[in-house]
PDB file of N, CA and C in Angstrom:
ATOM      1  N   MET A   1     -20.253  -5.656  28.282  1.00  0.00           N
ATOM      2  CA  MET A   1     -20.755  -4.849  27.173  1.00  0.00           C
ATOM      3  C   MET A   1     -19.871  -3.655  26.868  1.00  0.00           C
ATOM      4  N   ALA A   2     -19.351  -3.043  27.911  1.00  0.00           N
ATOM      5  CA  ALA A   2     -18.502  -1.838  27.721  1.00  0.00           C
ATOM      6  C   ALA A   2     -17.175  -2.279  27.094  1.00  0.00           C
ATOM      7  N   ALA A   3     -16.692  -3.439  27.435  1.00  0.00           N
ATOM      8  CA  ALA A   3     -15.454  -3.926  26.815  1.00  0.00           C
ATOM      9  C   ALA A   3     -15.613  -4.179  25.335  1.00  0.00           C
ATOM     10  N   ALA A   4     -16.725  -4.718  24.964  1.00  0.00           N
ATOM     11  CA  ALA A   4     -17.018  -4.963  23.525  1.00  0.00           C
ATOM     12  C   ALA A   4     -17.091  -3.645  22.782  1.00  0.00           C
ATOM     13  N   ALA A   5     -17.751  -2.664  23.360  1.00  0.00           N
ATOM     14  CA  ALA A   5     -17.862  -1.346  22.715  1.00  0.00           C
ATOM     15  C   ALA A   5     -16.464  -0.688  22.551  1.00  0.00           C
ATOM     16  N   ALA A   6     -15.650  -0.813  23.569  1.00  0.00           N
ATOM     17  CA  ALA A   6     -14.271  -0.273  23.531  1.00  0.00           C
ATOM     18  C   ALA A   6     -13.453  -0.982  22.446  1.00  0.00           C
ATOM     19  N   ALA A   7     -13.651  -2.292  22.317  1.00  0.00           N
ATOM     20  CA  ALA A   7     -12.883  -3.063  21.322  1.00  0.00           C
ATOM     21  C   ALA A   7     -13.269  -2.600  19.910  1.00  0.00           C
ATOM     22  N   VAL A   8     -14.559  -2.359  19.685  1.00  0.00           N
ATOM     23  CA  VAL A   8     -15.035  -1.920  18.393  1.00  0.00           C
ATOM     24  C   VAL A   8     -14.506  -0.523  18.114  1.00  0.00           C
ATOM     25  N   GLU A   9     -14.497   0.328  19.129  1.00  0.00           N
ATOM     26  CA  GLU A   9     -14.027   1.713  18.948  1.00  0.00           C
ATOM     27  C   GLU A   9     -12.558   1.752  18.661  1.00  0.00           C
ATOM     28  N   ASN A  10     -11.772   0.827  19.202  1.00  0.00           N
ATOM     29  CA  ASN A  10     -10.307   0.811  19.013  1.00  0.00           C
ATOM     30  C   ASN A  10      -9.891   0.003  17.775  1.00  0.00           C
ATOM     31  N   THR A  11     -10.840  -0.617  17.090  1.00  0.00           N
ATOM     32  CA  THR A  11     -10.486  -1.397  15.909  1.00  0.00           C
ATOM     33  C   THR A  11     -10.006  -0.456  14.790  1.00  0.00           C
ATOM     34  N   LYS A  12      -8.876  -0.742  14.233  1.00  0.00           N
ATOM     35  CA  LYS A  12      -8.360   0.041  13.155  1.00  0.00           C
ATOM     36  C   LYS A  12      -8.718  -0.563  11.826  1.00  0.00           C
ATOM     37  N   ILE A  13      -9.208   0.253  10.899  1.00  0.00           N
ATOM     38  CA  ILE A  13      -9.641  -0.241   9.605  1.00  0.00           C
ATOM     39  C   ILE A  13      -8.526   0.087   8.595  1.00  0.00           C
ATOM     40  N   PRO A  14      -7.873  -0.953   8.010  1.00  0.00           N
ATOM     41  CA  PRO A  14      -6.800  -0.711   7.071  1.00  0.00           C
ATOM     42  C   PRO A  14      -7.334  -0.260   5.716  1.00  0.00           C
ATOM     43  N   VAL A  15      -6.671   0.694   5.168  1.00  0.00           N
ATOM     44  CA  VAL A  15      -6.951   1.190   3.811  1.00  0.00           C
ATOM     45  C   VAL A  15      -5.685   1.029   2.974  1.00  0.00           C
ATOM     46  N   ASN A  16      -5.694   0.074   2.073  1.00  0.00           N
ATOM     47  CA  ASN A  16      -4.510  -0.210   1.262  1.00  0.00           C
ATOM     48  C   ASN A  16      -4.274   0.857   0.200  1.00  0.00           C
ATOM     49  N   VAL A  17      -3.089   1.425   0.231  1.00  0.00           N
ATOM     50  CA  VAL A  17      -2.736   2.493  -0.736  1.00  0.00           C
ATOM     51  C   VAL A  17      -1.399   2.092  -1.338  1.00  0.00           C
ATOM     52  N   GLY A  18      -1.345   2.085  -2.657  1.00  0.00           N
ATOM     53  CA  GLY A  18      -0.073   1.793  -3.385  1.00  0.00           C
ATOM     54  C   GLY A  18       0.776   3.029  -3.564  1.00  0.00           C
ATOM     55  N   VAL A  19       2.056   2.815  -3.568  1.00  0.00           N
ATOM     56  CA  VAL A  19       2.983   3.878  -3.865  1.00  0.00           C
ATOM     57  C   VAL A  19       3.974   3.379  -4.955  1.00  0.00           C
ATOM     58  N   VAL A  20       3.991   4.060  -6.066  1.00  0.00           N
ATOM     59  CA  VAL A  20       4.881   3.650  -7.190  1.00  0.00           C
ATOM     60  C   VAL A  20       5.911   4.758  -7.351  1.00  0.00           C
ATOM     61  N   VAL A  21       7.157   4.393  -7.017  1.00  0.00           N
ATOM     62  CA  VAL A  21       8.297   5.319  -7.085  1.00  0.00           C
ATOM     63  C   VAL A  21       9.516   4.600  -7.581  1.00  0.00           C
ATOM     64  N   ASP A  22      10.493   5.376  -8.008  1.00  0.00           N
ATOM     65  CA  ASP A  22      11.785   4.810  -8.414  1.00  0.00           C
ATOM     66  C   ASP A  22      12.638   4.680  -7.137  1.00  0.00           C
ATOM     67  N   LEU A  23      12.712   3.503  -6.587  1.00  0.00           N
ATOM     68  CA  LEU A  23      13.414   3.283  -5.316  1.00  0.00           C
ATOM     69  C   LEU A  23      14.925   3.311  -5.444  1.00  0.00           C
ATOM     70  N   ASP A  24      15.423   3.404  -6.700  1.00  0.00           N
ATOM     71  CA  ASP A  24      16.861   3.446  -6.940  1.00  0.00           C
ATOM     72  C   ASP A  24      17.367   4.904  -7.027  1.00  0.00           C
ATOM     73  N   ALA A  25      16.459   5.865  -7.129  1.00  0.00           N
ATOM     74  CA  ALA A  25      16.827   7.277  -7.262  1.00  0.00           C
ATOM     75  C   ALA A  25      16.624   8.008  -5.947  1.00  0.00           C
ATOM     76  N   PRO A  26      17.491   9.002  -5.685  1.00  0.00           N
ATOM     77  CA  PRO A  26      17.293   9.804  -4.475  1.00  0.00           C
ATOM     78  C   PRO A  26      15.903  10.436  -4.381  1.00  0.00           C
ATOM     79  N   SER A  27      15.379  10.876  -5.513  1.00  0.00           N
ATOM     80  CA  SER A  27      14.053  11.535  -5.469  1.00  0.00           C
ATOM     81  C   SER A  27      12.941  10.559  -5.035  1.00  0.00           C
ATOM     82  N   GLY A  28      13.063   9.296  -5.498  1.00  0.00           N
ATOM     83  CA  GLY A  28      12.087   8.295  -5.103  1.00  0.00           C
ATOM     84  C   GLY A  28      12.155   7.978  -3.626  1.00  0.00           C
ATOM     85  N   LYS A  29      13.401   7.881  -3.093  1.00  0.00           N
ATOM     86  CA  LYS A  29      13.556   7.598  -1.661  1.00  0.00           C
ATOM     87  C   LYS A  29      13.040   8.757  -0.828  1.00  0.00           C
ATOM     88  N   THR A  30      13.312   9.981  -1.308  1.00  0.00           N
ATOM     89  CA  THR A  30      12.812  11.155  -0.571  1.00  0.00           C
ATOM     90  C   THR A  30      11.271  11.211  -0.625  1.00  0.00           C
ATOM     91  N   TYR A  31      10.704  10.958  -1.783  1.00  0.00           N
ATOM     92  CA  TYR A  31       9.239  10.944  -1.968  1.00  0.00           C
ATOM     93  C   TYR A  31       8.596   9.983  -0.951  1.00  0.00           C
ATOM     94  N   LEU A  32       9.122   8.752  -0.890  1.00  0.00           N
ATOM     95  CA  LEU A  32       8.593   7.735  -0.003  1.00  0.00           C
ATOM     96  C   LEU A  32       8.785   8.117   1.455  1.00  0.00           C
ATOM     97  N   SER A  33       9.960   8.688   1.802  1.00  0.00           N
ATOM     98  CA  SER A  33      10.210   9.136   3.174  1.00  0.00           C
ATOM     99  C   SER A  33       9.218  10.207   3.584  1.00  0.00           C
ATOM    100  N   CYS A  34       8.969  11.138   2.702  1.00  0.00           N
ATOM    101  CA  CYS A  34       8.027  12.239   3.015  1.00  0.00           C
ATOM    102  C   CYS A  34       6.609  11.692   3.264  1.00  0.00           C
ATOM    103  N   ILE A  35       6.196  10.753   2.477  1.00  0.00           N
ATOM    104  CA  ILE A  35       4.881  10.153   2.612  1.00  0.00           C
ATOM    105  C   ILE A  35       4.769   9.456   3.959  1.00  0.00           C
ATOM    106  N   LYS A  36       5.784   8.690   4.331  1.00  0.00           N
ATOM    107  CA  LYS A  36       5.776   8.022   5.598  1.00  0.00           C
ATOM    108  C   LYS A  36       5.794   8.952   6.805  1.00  0.00           C
ATOM    109  N   MET A  37       6.581  10.046   6.701  1.00  0.00           N
ATOM    110  CA  MET A  37       6.628  11.055   7.753  1.00  0.00           C
ATOM    111  C   MET A  37       5.273  11.753   7.921  1.00  0.00           C
ATOM    112  N   ALA A  38       4.656  12.078   6.771  1.00  0.00           N
ATOM    113  CA  ALA A  38       3.371  12.725   6.809  1.00  0.00           C
ATOM    114  C   ALA A  38       2.303  11.842   7.511  1.00  0.00           C
ATOM    115  N   LEU A  39       2.326  10.522   7.222  1.00  0.00           N
ATOM    116  CA  LEU A  39       1.391   9.600   7.836  1.00  0.00           C
ATOM    117  C   LEU A  39       1.667   9.517   9.354  1.00  0.00           C
ATOM    118  N   GLN A  40       2.929   9.427   9.746  1.00  0.00           N
ATOM    119  CA  GLN A  40       3.243   9.351  11.162  1.00  0.00           C
ATOM    120  C   GLN A  40       2.789  10.651  11.881  1.00  0.00           C
ATOM    121  N   ASP A  41       3.055  11.772  11.276  1.00  0.00           N
ATOM    122  CA  ASP A  41       2.618  13.011  11.889  1.00  0.00           C
ATOM    123  C   ASP A  41       1.094  13.107  12.003  1.00  0.00           C
ATOM    124  N   PHE A  42       0.419  12.676  10.929  1.00  0.00           N
ATOM    125  CA  PHE A  42      -1.028  12.796  10.935  1.00  0.00           C
ATOM    126  C   PHE A  42      -1.612  11.907  12.047  1.00  0.00           C
ATOM    127  N   TYR A  43      -1.191  10.653  12.128  1.00  0.00           N
ATOM    128  CA  TYR A  43      -1.784   9.732  13.113  1.00  0.00           C
ATOM    129  C   TYR A  43      -1.312  10.098  14.509  1.00  0.00           C
ATOM    130  N   ALA A  44      -0.169  10.757  14.704  1.00  0.00           N
ATOM    131  CA  ALA A  44       0.255  11.206  16.016  1.00  0.00           C
ATOM    132  C   ALA A  44      -0.718  12.259  16.564  1.00  0.00           C
ATOM    133  N   SER A  45      -1.215  13.117  15.672  1.00  0.00           N
ATOM    134  CA  SER A  45      -2.100  14.167  16.112  1.00  0.00           C
ATOM    135  C   SER A  45      -3.566  13.840  15.916  1.00  0.00           C
ATOM    136  N   HIS A  46      -3.864  12.713  15.284  1.00  0.00           N
ATOM    137  CA  HIS A  46      -5.259  12.296  15.050  1.00  0.00           C
ATOM    138  C   HIS A  46      -5.370  10.819  15.433  1.00  0.00           C
ATOM    139  N   ALA A  47      -4.999  10.459  16.613  1.00  0.00           N
ATOM    140  CA  ALA A  47      -5.014   9.068  17.038  1.00  0.00           C
ATOM    141  C   ALA A  47      -6.401   8.436  17.082  1.00  0.00           C
ATOM    142  N   HIS A  48      -7.414   9.289  17.154  1.00  0.00           N
ATOM    143  CA  HIS A  48      -8.792   8.824  17.266  1.00  0.00           C
ATOM    144  C   HIS A  48      -9.305   8.296  15.912  1.00  0.00           C
ATOM    145  N   PHE A  49      -8.621   8.551  14.843  1.00  0.00           N
ATOM    146  CA  PHE A  49      -9.068   8.070  13.518  1.00  0.00           C
ATOM    147  C   PHE A  49      -9.004   6.546  13.507  1.00  0.00           C
ATOM    148  N   ASN A  50     -10.067   5.868  13.092  1.00  0.00           N
ATOM    149  CA  ASN A  50     -10.047   4.414  13.074  1.00  0.00           C
ATOM    150  C   ASN A  50      -9.487   3.856  11.785  1.00  0.00           C
ATOM    151  N   THR A  51      -9.402   4.638  10.725  1.00  0.00           N
ATOM    152  CA  THR A  51      -8.832   4.147   9.472  1.00  0.00           C
ATOM    153  C   THR A  51      -7.289   4.372   9.545  1.00  0.00           C
ATOM    154  N   ARG A  52      -6.626   3.449   8.960  1.00  0.00           N
ATOM    155  CA  ARG A  52      -5.134   3.526   8.867  1.00  0.00           C
ATOM    156  C   ARG A  52      -4.704   3.209   7.460  1.00  0.00           C
ATOM    157  N   LEU A  53      -3.994   4.157   6.832  1.00  0.00           N
ATOM    158  CA  LEU A  53      -3.432   3.920   5.509  1.00  0.00           C
ATOM    159  C   LEU A  53      -2.288   2.898   5.625  1.00  0.00           C
ATOM    160  N   VAL A  54      -2.359   1.903   4.831  1.00  0.00           N
ATOM    161  CA  VAL A  54      -1.299   0.884   4.824  1.00  0.00           C
ATOM    162  C   VAL A  54      -0.610   1.030   3.452  1.00  0.00           C
ATOM    163  N   LEU A  55       0.645   1.450   3.453  1.00  0.00           N
ATOM    164  CA  LEU A  55       1.380   1.693   2.222  1.00  0.00           C
ATOM    165  C   LEU A  55       1.967   0.385   1.633  1.00  0.00           C
ATOM    166  N   HIS A  56       1.776   0.210   0.345  1.00  0.00           N
ATOM    167  CA  HIS A  56       2.361  -0.960  -0.367  1.00  0.00           C
ATOM    168  C   HIS A  56       3.222  -0.344  -1.459  1.00  0.00           C
ATOM    169  N   THR A  57       4.494  -0.435  -1.325  1.00  0.00           N
ATOM    170  CA  THR A  57       5.448   0.229  -2.208  1.00  0.00           C
ATOM    171  C   THR A  57       5.935  -0.650  -3.302  1.00  0.00           C
ATOM    172  N   ARG A  58       6.002  -0.113  -4.499  1.00  0.00           N
ATOM    173  CA  ARG A  58       6.523  -0.851  -5.653  1.00  0.00           C
ATOM    174  C   ARG A  58       7.525   0.045  -6.399  1.00  0.00           C
ATOM    175  N   ASN A  59       8.571  -0.559  -6.986  1.00  0.00           N
ATOM    176  CA  ASN A  59       9.590   0.174  -7.697  1.00  0.00           C
ATOM    177  C   ASN A  59       9.203   0.314  -9.173  1.00  0.00           C
ATOM    178  N   SER A  60       9.244   1.583  -9.669  1.00  0.00           N
ATOM    179  CA  SER A  60       8.957   1.819 -11.095  1.00  0.00           C
ATOM    180  C   SER A  60      10.125   1.489 -11.983  1.00  0.00           C
ATOM    181  N   ASN A  61      11.263   1.331 -11.420  1.00  0.00           N
ATOM    182  CA  ASN A  61      12.527   1.048 -12.151  1.00  0.00           C
ATOM    183  C   ASN A  61      12.795   2.071 -13.265  1.00  0.00           C
ATOM    184  N   GLN A  62      12.376   3.300 -13.068  1.00  0.00           N
ATOM    185  CA  GLN A  62      12.601   4.439 -13.965  1.00  0.00           C
ATOM    186  C   GLN A  62      12.028   4.239 -15.373  1.00  0.00           C
ATOM    187  N   THR A  63      11.058   3.353 -15.522  1.00  0.00           N
ATOM    188  CA  THR A  63      10.467   3.152 -16.868  1.00  0.00           C
ATOM    189  C   THR A  63       8.947   3.208 -16.830  1.00  0.00           C
ATOM    190  N   VAL A  64       8.392   3.496 -17.937  1.00  0.00           N
ATOM    191  CA  VAL A  64       6.914   3.460 -18.105  1.00  0.00           C
ATOM    192  C   VAL A  64       6.398   2.074 -17.892  1.00  0.00           C
ATOM    193  N   VAL A  65       7.045   1.120 -18.453  1.00  0.00           N
ATOM    194  CA  VAL A  65       6.624  -0.294 -18.324  1.00  0.00           C
ATOM    195  C   VAL A  65       6.735  -0.726 -16.876  1.00  0.00           C
ATOM    196  N   GLY A  66       7.828  -0.337 -16.212  1.00  0.00           N
ATOM    197  CA  GLY A  66       8.013  -0.678 -14.791  1.00  0.00           C
ATOM    198  C   GLY A  66       6.937  -0.097 -13.920  1.00  0.00           C
ATOM    199  N   ALA A  67       6.562   1.173 -14.183  1.00  0.00           N
ATOM    200  CA  ALA A  67       5.517   1.840 -13.400  1.00  0.00           C
ATOM    201  C   ALA A  67       4.169   1.155 -13.676  1.00  0.00           C
ATOM    202  N   ALA A  68       3.905   0.847 -14.937  1.00  0.00           N
ATOM    203  CA  ALA A  68       2.636   0.133 -15.286  1.00  0.00           C
ATOM    204  C   ALA A  68       2.578  -1.228 -14.646  1.00  0.00           C
ATOM    205  N   ALA A  69       3.674  -1.978 -14.636  1.00  0.00           N
ATOM    206  CA  ALA A  69       3.697  -3.310 -14.046  1.00  0.00           C
ATOM    207  C   ALA A  69       3.434  -3.192 -12.537  1.00  0.00           C
ATOM    208  N   ALA A  70       4.074  -2.176 -11.926  1.00  0.00           N
ATOM    209  CA  ALA A  70       3.905  -1.992 -10.497  1.00  0.00           C
ATOM    210  C   ALA A  70       2.475  -1.639 -10.160  1.00  0.00           C
ATOM    211  N   ALA A  71       1.861  -0.752 -10.955  1.00  0.00           N
ATOM    212  CA  ALA A  71       0.472  -0.350 -10.744  1.00  0.00           C
ATOM    213  C   ALA A  71      -0.468  -1.542 -10.920  1.00  0.00           C
ATOM    214  N   LEU A  72      -0.236  -2.347 -11.960  1.00  0.00           N
ATOM    215  CA  LEU A  72      -1.095  -3.554 -12.182  1.00  0.00           C
ATOM    216  C   LEU A  72      -0.997  -4.531 -11.005  1.00  0.00           C
ATOM    217  N   ASP A  73       0.233  -4.718 -10.504  1.00  0.00           N
ATOM    218  CA  ASP A  73       0.382  -5.584  -9.339  1.00  0.00           C
ATOM    219  C   ASP A  73      -0.403  -5.073  -8.173  1.00  0.00           C
ATOM    220  N   LEU A  74      -0.317  -3.786  -7.894  1.00  0.00           N
ATOM    221  CA  LEU A  74      -1.009  -3.184  -6.774  1.00  0.00           C
ATOM    222  C   LEU A  74      -2.513  -3.271  -6.957  1.00  0.00           C
ATOM    223  N   ILE A  75      -2.996  -3.071  -8.172  1.00  0.00           N
ATOM    224  CA  ILE A  75      -4.439  -3.103  -8.444  1.00  0.00           C
ATOM    225  C   ILE A  75      -4.968  -4.527  -8.318  1.00  0.00           C
ATOM    226  N   LYS A  76      -4.265  -5.457  -8.992  1.00  0.00           N
ATOM    227  CA  LYS A  76      -4.789  -6.857  -9.043  1.00  0.00           C
ATOM    228  C   LYS A  76      -4.535  -7.656  -7.846  1.00  0.00           C
ATOM    229  N   ASN A  77      -3.304  -7.632  -7.344  1.00  0.00           N
ATOM    230  CA  ASN A  77      -2.919  -8.489  -6.245  1.00  0.00           C
ATOM    231  C   ASN A  77      -3.120  -7.951  -4.838  1.00  0.00           C
ATOM    232  N   VAL A  78      -2.912  -6.641  -4.682  1.00  0.00           N
ATOM    233  CA  VAL A  78      -3.064  -6.042  -3.363  1.00  0.00           C
ATOM    234  C   VAL A  78      -4.462  -5.470  -3.205  1.00  0.00           C
ATOM    235  N   GLU A  79      -5.079  -5.122  -4.337  1.00  0.00           N
ATOM    236  CA  GLU A  79      -6.394  -4.502  -4.325  1.00  0.00           C
ATOM    237  C   GLU A  79      -6.426  -3.155  -3.609  1.00  0.00           C
ATOM    238  N   VAL A  80      -5.429  -2.318  -3.953  1.00  0.00           N
ATOM    239  CA  VAL A  80      -5.319  -1.018  -3.337  1.00  0.00           C
ATOM    240  C   VAL A  80      -6.534  -0.173  -3.650  1.00  0.00           C
ATOM    241  N   GLN A  81      -6.800   0.813  -2.796  1.00  0.00           N
ATOM    242  CA  GLN A  81      -7.927   1.723  -3.050  1.00  0.00           C
ATOM    243  C   GLN A  81      -7.497   3.023  -3.689  1.00  0.00           C
ATOM    244  N   ALA A  82      -6.204   3.245  -3.780  1.00  0.00           N
ATOM    245  CA  ALA A  82      -5.594   4.422  -4.443  1.00  0.00           C
ATOM    246  C   ALA A  82      -4.129   4.172  -4.625  1.00  0.00           C
ATOM    247  N   ILE A  83      -3.519   4.907  -5.598  1.00  0.00           N
ATOM    248  CA  ILE A  83      -2.079   4.814  -5.813  1.00  0.00           C
ATOM    249  C   ILE A  83      -1.505   6.203  -5.840  1.00  0.00           C
ATOM    250  N   LEU A  84      -0.386   6.379  -5.098  1.00  0.00           N
ATOM    251  CA  LEU A  84       0.373   7.596  -5.117  1.00  0.00           C
ATOM    252  C   LEU A  84       1.589   7.392  -6.042  1.00  0.00           C
ATOM    253  N   GLY A  85       1.796   8.370  -6.938  1.00  0.00           N
ATOM    254  CA  GLY A  85       2.882   8.201  -7.865  1.00  0.00           C
ATOM    255  C   GLY A  85       2.286   7.801  -9.207  1.00  0.00           C
ATOM    256  N   PRO A  86       3.062   7.528 -10.188  1.00  0.00           N
ATOM    257  CA  PRO A  86       4.506   7.561 -10.232  1.00  0.00           C
ATOM    258  C   PRO A  86       5.074   8.953 -10.354  1.00  0.00           C
ATOM    259  N   GLU A  87       6.394   9.033 -10.578  1.00  0.00           N
ATOM    260  CA  GLU A  87       7.058  10.319 -10.490  1.00  0.00           C
ATOM    261  C   GLU A  87       7.122  11.116 -11.807  1.00  0.00           C
ATOM    262  N   THR A  88       7.042  10.480 -12.939  1.00  0.00           N
ATOM    263  CA  THR A  88       7.189  11.217 -14.206  1.00  0.00           C
ATOM    264  C   THR A  88       5.845  11.301 -14.920  1.00  0.00           C
ATOM    265  N   SER A  89       5.738  12.340 -15.744  1.00  0.00           N
ATOM    266  CA  SER A  89       4.488  12.522 -16.498  1.00  0.00           C
ATOM    267  C   SER A  89       4.185  11.366 -17.448  1.00  0.00           C
ATOM    268  N   MET A  90       5.227  10.852 -18.123  1.00  0.00           N
ATOM    269  CA  MET A  90       4.970   9.737 -19.015  1.00  0.00           C
ATOM    270  C   MET A  90       4.439   8.528 -18.273  1.00  0.00           C
ATOM    271  N   GLN A  91       5.061   8.209 -17.117  1.00  0.00           N
ATOM    272  CA  GLN A  91       4.639   7.088 -16.305  1.00  0.00           C
ATOM    273  C   GLN A  91       3.207   7.353 -15.807  1.00  0.00           C
ATOM    274  N   ALA A  92       2.965   8.537 -15.331  1.00  0.00           N
ATOM    275  CA  ALA A  92       1.652   8.896 -14.783  1.00  0.00           C
ATOM    276  C   ALA A  92       0.547   8.777 -15.829  1.00  0.00           C
ATOM    277  N   SER A  93       0.822   9.222 -17.034  1.00  0.00           N
ATOM    278  CA  SER A  93      -0.141   9.150 -18.089  1.00  0.00           C
ATOM    279  C   SER A  93      -0.616   7.720 -18.337  1.00  0.00           C
ATOM    280  N   PHE A  94       0.301   6.797 -18.378  1.00  0.00           N
ATOM    281  CA  PHE A  94      -0.014   5.400 -18.601  1.00  0.00           C
ATOM    282  C   PHE A  94      -0.737   4.802 -17.407  1.00  0.00           C
ATOM    283  N   VAL A  95      -0.224   5.073 -16.187  1.00  0.00           N
ATOM    284  CA  VAL A  95      -0.816   4.525 -14.994  1.00  0.00           C
ATOM    285  C   VAL A  95      -2.213   5.041 -14.725  1.00  0.00           C
ATOM    286  N   VAL A  96      -2.455   6.346 -15.078  1.00  0.00           N
ATOM    287  CA  VAL A  96      -3.783   6.915 -14.930  1.00  0.00           C
ATOM    288  C   VAL A  96      -4.816   6.100 -15.735  1.00  0.00           C
ATOM    289  N   ASN A  97      -4.408   5.686 -16.951  1.00  0.00           N
ATOM    290  CA  ASN A  97      -5.358   4.885 -17.752  1.00  0.00           C
ATOM    291  C   ASN A  97      -5.664   3.560 -17.119  1.00  0.00           C
ATOM    292  N   LEU A  98      -4.646   2.891 -16.506  1.00  0.00           N
ATOM    293  CA  LEU A  98      -4.920   1.681 -15.770  1.00  0.00           C
ATOM    294  C   LEU A  98      -5.833   1.900 -14.594  1.00  0.00           C
ATOM    295  N   GLY A  99      -5.610   2.998 -13.878  1.00  0.00           N
ATOM    296  CA  GLY A  99      -6.431   3.341 -12.746  1.00  0.00           C
ATOM    297  C   GLY A  99      -7.860   3.627 -13.130  1.00  0.00           C
ATOM    298  N   ASP A 100      -8.045   4.325 -14.263  1.00  0.00           N
ATOM    299  CA  ASP A 100      -9.384   4.563 -14.767  1.00  0.00           C
ATOM    300  C   ASP A 100     -10.148   3.285 -15.038  1.00  0.00           C
ATOM    301  N   GLU A 101      -9.504   2.372 -15.681  1.00  0.00           N
ATOM    302  CA  GLU A 101     -10.108   1.047 -16.029  1.00  0.00           C
ATOM    303  C   GLU A 101     -10.517   0.311 -14.798  1.00  0.00           C
ATOM    304  N   ALA A 102      -9.683   0.380 -13.717  1.00  0.00           N
ATOM    305  CA  ALA A 102      -9.950  -0.381 -12.508  1.00  0.00           C
ATOM    306  C   ALA A 102     -10.711   0.426 -11.469  1.00  0.00           C
ATOM    307  N   HIS A 103     -11.020   1.650 -11.759  1.00  0.00           N
ATOM    308  CA  HIS A 103     -11.671   2.594 -10.820  1.00  0.00           C
ATOM    309  C   HIS A 103     -10.889   2.789  -9.561  1.00  0.00           C
ATOM    310  N   VAL A 104      -9.558   2.944  -9.746  1.00  0.00           N
ATOM    311  CA  VAL A 104      -8.614   3.222  -8.679  1.00  0.00           C
ATOM    312  C   VAL A 104      -8.005   4.598  -8.914  1.00  0.00           C
ATOM    313  N   PRO A 105      -8.186   5.530  -8.006  1.00  0.00           N
ATOM    314  CA  PRO A 105      -7.631   6.866  -8.235  1.00  0.00           C
ATOM    315  C   PRO A 105      -6.104   6.858  -8.154  1.00  0.00           C
ATOM    316  N   ILE A 106      -5.498   7.655  -9.040  1.00  0.00           N
ATOM    317  CA  ILE A 106      -4.049   7.814  -9.105  1.00  0.00           C
ATOM    318  C   ILE A 106      -3.717   9.240  -8.777  1.00  0.00           C
ATOM    319  N   VAL A 107      -2.877   9.477  -7.789  1.00  0.00           N
ATOM    320  CA  VAL A 107      -2.469  10.819  -7.417  1.00  0.00           C
ATOM    321  C   VAL A 107      -0.951  10.894  -7.698  1.00  0.00           C
ATOM    322  N   SER A 108      -0.581  11.711  -8.695  1.00  0.00           N
ATOM    323  CA  SER A 108       0.815  11.883  -9.022  1.00  0.00           C
ATOM    324  C   SER A 108       1.186  13.378  -8.814  1.00  0.00           C
ATOM    325  N   PHE A 109       2.067  13.630  -7.953  1.00  0.00           N
ATOM    326  CA  PHE A 109       2.455  15.016  -7.665  1.00  0.00           C
ATOM    327  C   PHE A 109       3.459  15.592  -8.589  1.00  0.00           C
ATOM    328  N   SER A 110       4.077  14.766  -9.422  1.00  0.00           N
ATOM    329  CA  SER A 110       5.147  15.267 -10.315  1.00  0.00           C
ATOM    330  C   SER A 110       4.751  15.395 -11.751  1.00  0.00           C
ATOM    331  N   ALA A 111       3.524  15.028 -12.073  1.00  0.00           N
ATOM    332  CA  ALA A 111       3.091  15.119 -13.458  1.00  0.00           C
ATOM    333  C   ALA A 111       3.149  16.589 -13.902  1.00  0.00           C
ATOM    334  N   SER A 112       3.700  16.855 -15.034  1.00  0.00           N
ATOM    335  CA  SER A 112       3.865  18.258 -15.528  1.00  0.00           C
ATOM    336  C   SER A 112       2.827  18.668 -16.534  1.00  0.00           C
ATOM    337  N   VAL A 113       2.003  17.755 -16.985  1.00  0.00           N
ATOM    338  CA  VAL A 113       0.973  18.090 -17.941  1.00  0.00           C
ATOM    339  C   VAL A 113      -0.351  17.635 -17.381  1.00  0.00           C
ATOM    340  N   PRO A 114      -1.470  18.380 -17.690  1.00  0.00           N
ATOM    341  CA  PRO A 114      -2.759  17.911 -17.193  1.00  0.00           C
ATOM    342  C   PRO A 114      -3.104  16.553 -17.795  1.00  0.00           C
ATOM    343  N   LEU A 115      -3.674  15.725 -16.948  1.00  0.00           N
ATOM    344  CA  LEU A 115      -4.026  14.399 -17.378  1.00  0.00           C
ATOM    345  C   LEU A 115      -5.519  14.302 -17.567  1.00  0.00           C
TER     346      LEU A 115
END
């Protein structure tokens, strides 16, 4: 019985999170690197957390259409629970509308206008 309780306690619950960035630009690579480092640091000091964010990265290809296509793929095929990015305000404005329709929160750190 104790072994079963320990197994349940150690079970990690994956939380799928999308990341939409321009993987061809230095800023996109840095953005993704920072997210990964933050997750590693967080789980290193909070190992008792049972949820684990699982990142699913898509390339925006520096376009609004690319960002929208990436977000749609993450929403429909991966069924992410949130999306980080995209990097520009124009991309974010369009992706936020997709997220609203699908009830998926979009967190964009680079948007320069209120959405």
